[in-house]
Amino acid sequence: MMGILTIFAGFNSVVLRITRQLAWIALALMVVVILLQVVFRYVFNSALPWPDEAARFLMLWMTGLIAPSAYRWGGFVAIDMIPQMMPTRVAQILMLVLTLAATAVLCVAISFGWNHTFGFGGNFDSSSLRIPLDWVGGESIKVKLRYMYGAFFLGLVMLLVINIELILRQIILFFDPDAELPDDGSADFLAETGQIEAAGGAARID
């Protein structure tokens, strides 16, 4: 089981490192789009038709790309008072049951995400987002809503993969509390963001 966990952990670390970078880009673009709309609306008194929907589009993708990393590191809002009051073994069983329940919820949510992205609703066009091809002599193409719903679907799939990793970690720790588990990538993230500095193999908190 440790070998399977190592594979999942390594795969998730690589994928989430990429999705975090894409999430920062989506956030930066969202800020630019919003500021552009503010300038045109209040400086030039001529609001653009597309920035509001473009900002929502980027916000959805930012959320879908960053949520798996937050889930992996326990960054979601949680009520952990009850597990902390329980004996260690009982708390571990409770957390495993809750994680298994989350797996069922995610599987149902993924089916909804698939239907929204590739089903009937995804065929509709965005009300304002277009790919401008006029400058090359072509005709502008409206963006399909499936490219917006895709953030929901992809985010849920990644959450499910992370959930499997968390289940494996909990099972291993239940039977071997002293087991050395694979790195979850949190130290790399803190080093990237300057919150810790790795020196001589040790992490130092700034």
Protein backbone atom coordinates (compact mmCIF):
# COMPACT_ATOMS: atom_id res chain seq x y z
CA MET A 1 0.00 0.00 0.00
CA MET A 2 2.93 2.33 0.66
CA GLY A 3 4.03 1.87 -2.96
CA ILE A 4 0.59 2.85 -4.24
CA LEU A 5 0.57 5.90 -1.97
CA THR A 6 4.02 6.91 -3.24
CA ILE A 7 2.73 6.82 -6.82
CA PHE A 8 -0.35 8.89 -5.96
CA ALA A 9 1.65 11.37 -3.90
CA GLY A 10 4.27 11.86 -6.61
CA PHE A 11 1.66 12.28 -9.33
CA ASN A 12 -0.40 14.74 -7.27
CA SER A 13 2.66 16.79 -6.32
CA VAL A 14 3.62 17.27 -9.97
CA VAL A 15 0.09 18.02 -11.19
CA LEU A 16 -0.74 20.38 -8.34
CA ARG A 17 2.50 22.28 -8.79
CA ILE A 18 1.36 23.03 -12.36
CA THR A 19 -2.23 23.86 -11.42
CA ARG A 20 -1.10 26.29 -8.71
CA GLN A 21 0.92 28.24 -11.26
CA LEU A 22 -2.07 28.32 -13.61
CA ALA A 23 -4.26 29.49 -10.73
CA TRP A 24 -1.94 32.43 -10.02
CA ILE A 25 -2.07 33.37 -13.71
CA ALA A 26 -5.88 33.18 -13.70
CA LEU A 27 -5.99 35.39 -10.59
CA ALA A 28 -3.64 37.96 -12.13
CA LEU A 29 -5.66 38.06 -15.35
CA MET A 30 -8.88 38.43 -13.36
CA VAL A 31 -7.47 41.47 -11.56
CA VAL A 32 -6.34 42.99 -14.86
CA VAL A 33 -9.75 42.44 -16.44
CA ILE A 34 -11.58 43.98 -13.47
CA LEU A 35 -9.29 47.02 -13.42
CA LEU A 36 -9.76 47.43 -17.17
CA GLN A 37 -13.52 47.52 -16.70
CA VAL A 38 -13.20 50.07 -13.88
CA VAL A 39 -11.10 52.35 -16.07
CA PHE A 40 -13.45 52.14 -19.04
CA ARG A 41 -16.57 52.55 -16.91
CA TYR A 42 -15.51 55.42 -14.65
CA VAL A 43 -12.77 57.15 -16.64
CA PHE A 44 -14.02 56.85 -20.22
CA ASN A 45 -17.71 56.41 -19.24
CA SER A 46 -17.99 53.52 -21.69
CA ALA A 47 -18.27 50.12 -20.00
CA LEU A 48 -17.08 47.11 -21.97
CA PRO A 49 -19.55 44.21 -22.45
CA TRP A 50 -17.21 41.30 -21.72
CA PRO A 51 -15.00 41.93 -18.62
CA ASP A 52 -17.65 40.95 -16.04
CA GLU A 53 -18.16 37.50 -17.54
CA ALA A 54 -14.45 37.11 -18.27
CA ALA A 55 -13.70 37.78 -14.59
CA ARG A 56 -16.21 35.12 -13.54
CA PHE A 57 -14.68 32.71 -16.06
CA LEU A 58 -11.20 33.27 -14.62
CA MET A 59 -12.46 33.07 -11.03
CA LEU A 60 -14.03 29.66 -11.68
CA TRP A 61 -10.83 28.31 -13.19
CA MET A 62 -8.73 29.77 -10.40
CA THR A 63 -10.95 28.03 -7.85
CA GLY A 64 -10.98 24.72 -9.70
CA LEU A 65 -7.19 24.74 -10.04
CA ILE A 66 -6.28 25.76 -6.48
CA ALA A 67 -8.95 23.86 -4.50
CA PRO A 68 -7.20 20.44 -4.76
CA SER A 69 -4.02 21.84 -3.18
CA ALA A 70 -6.03 23.38 -0.34
CA TYR A 71 -7.88 20.10 0.22
CA ARG A 72 -4.66 18.10 0.27
CA TRP A 73 -3.16 20.31 2.96
CA GLY A 74 -6.30 20.67 5.10
CA GLY A 75 -6.95 24.24 4.02
CA PHE A 76 -10.73 23.92 3.82
CA VAL A 77 -12.92 25.17 6.64
CA ALA A 78 -13.45 22.28 9.05
CA ILE A 79 -14.84 21.59 12.52
CA ASP A 80 -12.11 19.51 14.14
CA MET A 81 -13.19 19.95 17.75
CA ILE A 82 -14.87 16.53 17.98
CA PRO A 83 -11.95 14.47 16.60
CA GLN A 84 -9.57 16.28 18.96
CA MET A 85 -11.72 15.23 21.91
CA MET A 86 -11.65 11.56 20.91
CA PRO A 87 -8.99 8.91 21.50
CA THR A 88 -6.48 8.77 18.64
CA ARG A 89 -7.74 5.48 17.20
CA VAL A 90 -11.38 6.52 17.30
CA ALA A 91 -10.55 9.88 15.70
CA GLN A 92 -8.66 8.11 12.92
CA ILE A 93 -11.63 5.86 12.22
CA LEU A 94 -13.97 8.86 12.18
CA MET A 95 -11.73 10.75 9.74
CA LEU A 96 -11.50 7.69 7.50
CA VAL A 97 -15.29 7.32 7.46
CA LEU A 98 -15.71 11.00 6.62
CA THR A 99 -13.14 10.78 3.84
CA LEU A 100 -14.89 7.73 2.39
CA ALA A 101 -18.18 9.65 2.52
CA ALA A 102 -16.47 12.53 0.69
CA THR A 103 -15.47 10.03 -2.01
CA ALA A 104 -19.12 9.15 -2.61
CA VAL A 105 -20.09 12.83 -2.73
CA LEU A 106 -17.29 13.62 -5.17
CA CYS A 107 -18.30 10.75 -7.47
CA VAL A 108 -21.85 12.10 -7.66
CA ALA A 109 -20.58 15.64 -8.17
CA ILE A 110 -18.28 14.49 -10.98
CA SER A 111 -21.27 13.01 -12.81
CA PHE A 112 -23.01 16.39 -12.59
CA GLY A 113 -19.83 18.11 -13.75
CA TRP A 114 -19.58 15.77 -16.73
CA ASN A 115 -23.20 16.41 -17.71
CA HIS A 116 -22.78 20.17 -17.43
CA THR A 117 -19.52 20.22 -19.38
CA PHE A 118 -20.23 17.76 -22.16
CA GLY A 119 -24.02 17.63 -22.05
CA PHE A 120 -26.80 19.87 -23.30
CA GLY A 121 -25.94 22.88 -21.14
CA GLY A 122 -22.36 23.03 -22.36
CA ASN A 123 -23.52 23.63 -25.93
CA PHE A 124 -24.85 27.10 -25.11
CA ASP A 125 -22.78 30.14 -26.01
CA SER A 126 -21.48 32.69 -23.57
CA SER A 127 -23.48 35.90 -23.61
CA SER A 128 -20.47 38.16 -24.10
CA LEU A 129 -17.22 36.20 -24.41
CA ARG A 130 -15.95 35.86 -27.96
CA ILE A 131 -12.72 34.90 -29.69
CA PRO A 132 -12.01 37.98 -31.85
CA LEU A 133 -11.01 36.91 -35.35
CA ASP A 134 -12.18 40.08 -37.11
CA TRP A 135 -8.64 41.45 -37.26
CA VAL A 136 -7.58 38.52 -39.46
CA GLY A 137 -10.60 38.76 -41.73
CA GLY A 138 -12.57 36.07 -39.96
CA GLU A 139 -15.72 36.04 -37.87
CA SER A 140 -15.75 36.20 -34.08
CA ILE A 141 -16.48 32.87 -32.37
CA LYS A 142 -18.60 32.77 -29.23
CA VAL A 143 -17.10 30.85 -26.31
CA LYS A 144 -19.10 27.78 -25.31
CA LEU A 145 -20.22 27.49 -21.70
CA ARG A 146 -18.57 24.07 -21.50
CA TYR A 147 -15.23 25.85 -21.19
CA MET A 148 -16.56 27.51 -18.04
CA TYR A 149 -18.18 24.36 -16.64
CA GLY A 150 -14.93 22.52 -17.34
CA ALA A 151 -13.36 24.20 -14.30
CA PHE A 152 -15.98 22.54 -12.10
CA PHE A 153 -15.46 19.12 -13.67
CA LEU A 154 -11.65 19.21 -13.66
CA GLY A 155 -11.52 20.51 -10.10
CA LEU A 156 -13.75 17.68 -8.88
CA VAL A 157 -11.70 15.03 -10.65
CA MET A 158 -8.53 16.33 -9.02
CA LEU A 159 -10.26 16.46 -5.64
CA LEU A 160 -11.20 12.80 -6.03
CA VAL A 161 -7.61 11.82 -6.79
CA ILE A 162 -6.44 13.79 -3.74
CA ASN A 163 -9.15 12.11 -1.68
CA ILE A 164 -7.80 8.68 -2.64
CA GLU A 165 -4.34 9.76 -1.51
CA LEU A 166 -5.74 10.97 1.82
CA ILE A 167 -7.54 7.65 2.36
CA LEU A 168 -4.33 5.73 1.74
CA ARG A 169 -2.46 7.97 4.20
CA GLN A 170 -5.11 7.45 6.88
CA ILE A 171 -5.16 3.66 6.44
CA ILE A 172 -1.37 3.40 6.65
CA LEU A 173 -1.20 5.61 9.73
CA PHE A 174 -3.96 3.61 11.40
CA PHE A 175 -1.98 0.38 11.18
CA ASP A 176 1.46 1.98 11.55
CA PRO A 177 1.38 5.34 13.38
CA ASP A 178 5.14 5.70 12.99
CA ALA A 179 5.18 5.15 9.22
CA GLU A 180 7.20 7.64 7.13
CA LEU A 181 4.71 8.86 4.56
CA PRO A 182 5.66 10.45 1.22
CA ASP A 183 5.92 14.24 1.14
CA ASP A 184 2.65 16.00 0.37
CA GLY A 185 4.35 18.96 -1.33
CA SER A 186 3.45 21.51 1.33
CA ALA A 187 7.09 22.25 2.16
CA ASP A 188 7.86 22.96 -1.50
CA PHE A 189 4.91 25.33 -1.68
CA LEU A 190 5.98 27.23 1.44
CA ALA A 191 9.50 27.49 0.05
CA GLU A 192 8.17 28.78 -3.29
CA THR A 193 6.13 31.46 -1.55
CA GLY A 194 8.98 32.48 0.77
CA GLN A 195 7.25 31.34 3.95
CA ILE A 196 10.02 28.90 4.78
CA GLU A 197 13.59 28.66 3.66
CA ALA A 198 15.18 25.28 3.13
CA ALA A 199 18.77 25.13 4.35
CA GLY A 200 20.84 22.01 4.82
CA GLY A 201 17.80 19.79 4.47
CA ALA A 202 15.90 21.56 7.24
CA ALA A 203 13.02 24.05 6.99
CA ARG A 204 13.30 27.34 8.82
CA ILE A 205 10.20 29.42 9.51
CA ASP A 206 10.68 33.10 8.63
